[in-house]
């Protein structure tokens, strides 16, 4: 018997049976007959869904009427309820917030014929929340969906849902960062134990050379504990190397020197489609690299970057900047900000990195969409990983 484990497979026969069974058909026919007798059918139905693992809170709004009280239901019940709305209204819309449940619900609702949306998580109560319940959140989502579809594009931020193939590629790319984070955490535990016993160790203490020198200095009981962590760290090392090799080799064609094959692969898989952006400002906003603004009246006050965007994209691009300082010295933004990047002032250095990162992200978008070439930007090109192997093999022969 397995405890606490539930497989969320929305294509299970029993779930589909509950949706398509006879009682459901009877409910739909009764609702349709009632609407026909009244001589009307709702033009639009809006559903706000507060999604959780164990239950779903659903609030409904018919046309321009008030939002109805939220109902609690299971996933199967939600699908039955959603299908019923298709017979009660000409058009049905639904929204829920992006989170750990992913996009399975979105795809299932789309398959039923509902125009589903996924919104970015944000506070549903402005200022300090006075009232915070799941039912209240569902009602607020429903109201915001109505406003958004009515033309208020600031009512909510809609997430671009990836295809299953894009989601798979992105998950593989993110696994590399997850493995790196796991290795960092375990290594820190070993250093923490050593420091608590008076041994200050820096760097990768589990590697053969460093660990060989360390074993002669520490007591046996510390060595025994470190061996447990060292086993995990060595395994993570091999997994990281293998995954990095596989991701890097998936990059085809030449690339600008210093960009990094792994960085480009991860960046492309996070963005998914560079043509989604229509102007440079949207590109900068996606990376959270656009400055904030607190302006009122004639005075304009600009603040730090918003960071409202993808933190992974921002981290990848900032890492690229430091490599370009070495490998692309003639790149325009590097030439412009070199003095600040190499200077002693940390504040100016931070501003310079953000400025170069913002322009770099825009230039990558321009190159990916064919608006400009790497040569026009003055970038030095190198062959891709697969091409490098071919060149090396030819040279050996």
Foldseek 3Di string as FASTA:
>chain_A
DDPPDDDPDCPDPVLVCLQPDDVLVVLLVVLLVVCVVVVHAFAEKEWFWEDDPAWIWIWIDGDPDAIDFTDIDGPSVVSSVLLSSVSRHVAYEYEYEDDPVACPSVVSSVVSVHHYWYFHDDDLDPDDDPDDDSRVNRRSRRVLVVVCVVPPVVSTHTDDHDDPVLVVLLVLLVVLVVLVVVLVVLQVVLQVVCVVVPHHDDDRCLDPVNVVVVVVPDDPVSVVVVVVSSVVNVVSVVVNVVSQVVQQVVDAWKDFPLLGSSLVSNLCSVVVDLVVDDDLVVLCVQQQLDWDWDDDDPDTDTHGGRSNHDPSNVVSLLSSLVSCLPQVCPQVLCVVLVCQCPDPDPVSNVVSSSVVSSVVSSVVSCCVVVVDHCVVRVTDMDTGPVVVVVVVVVVVD
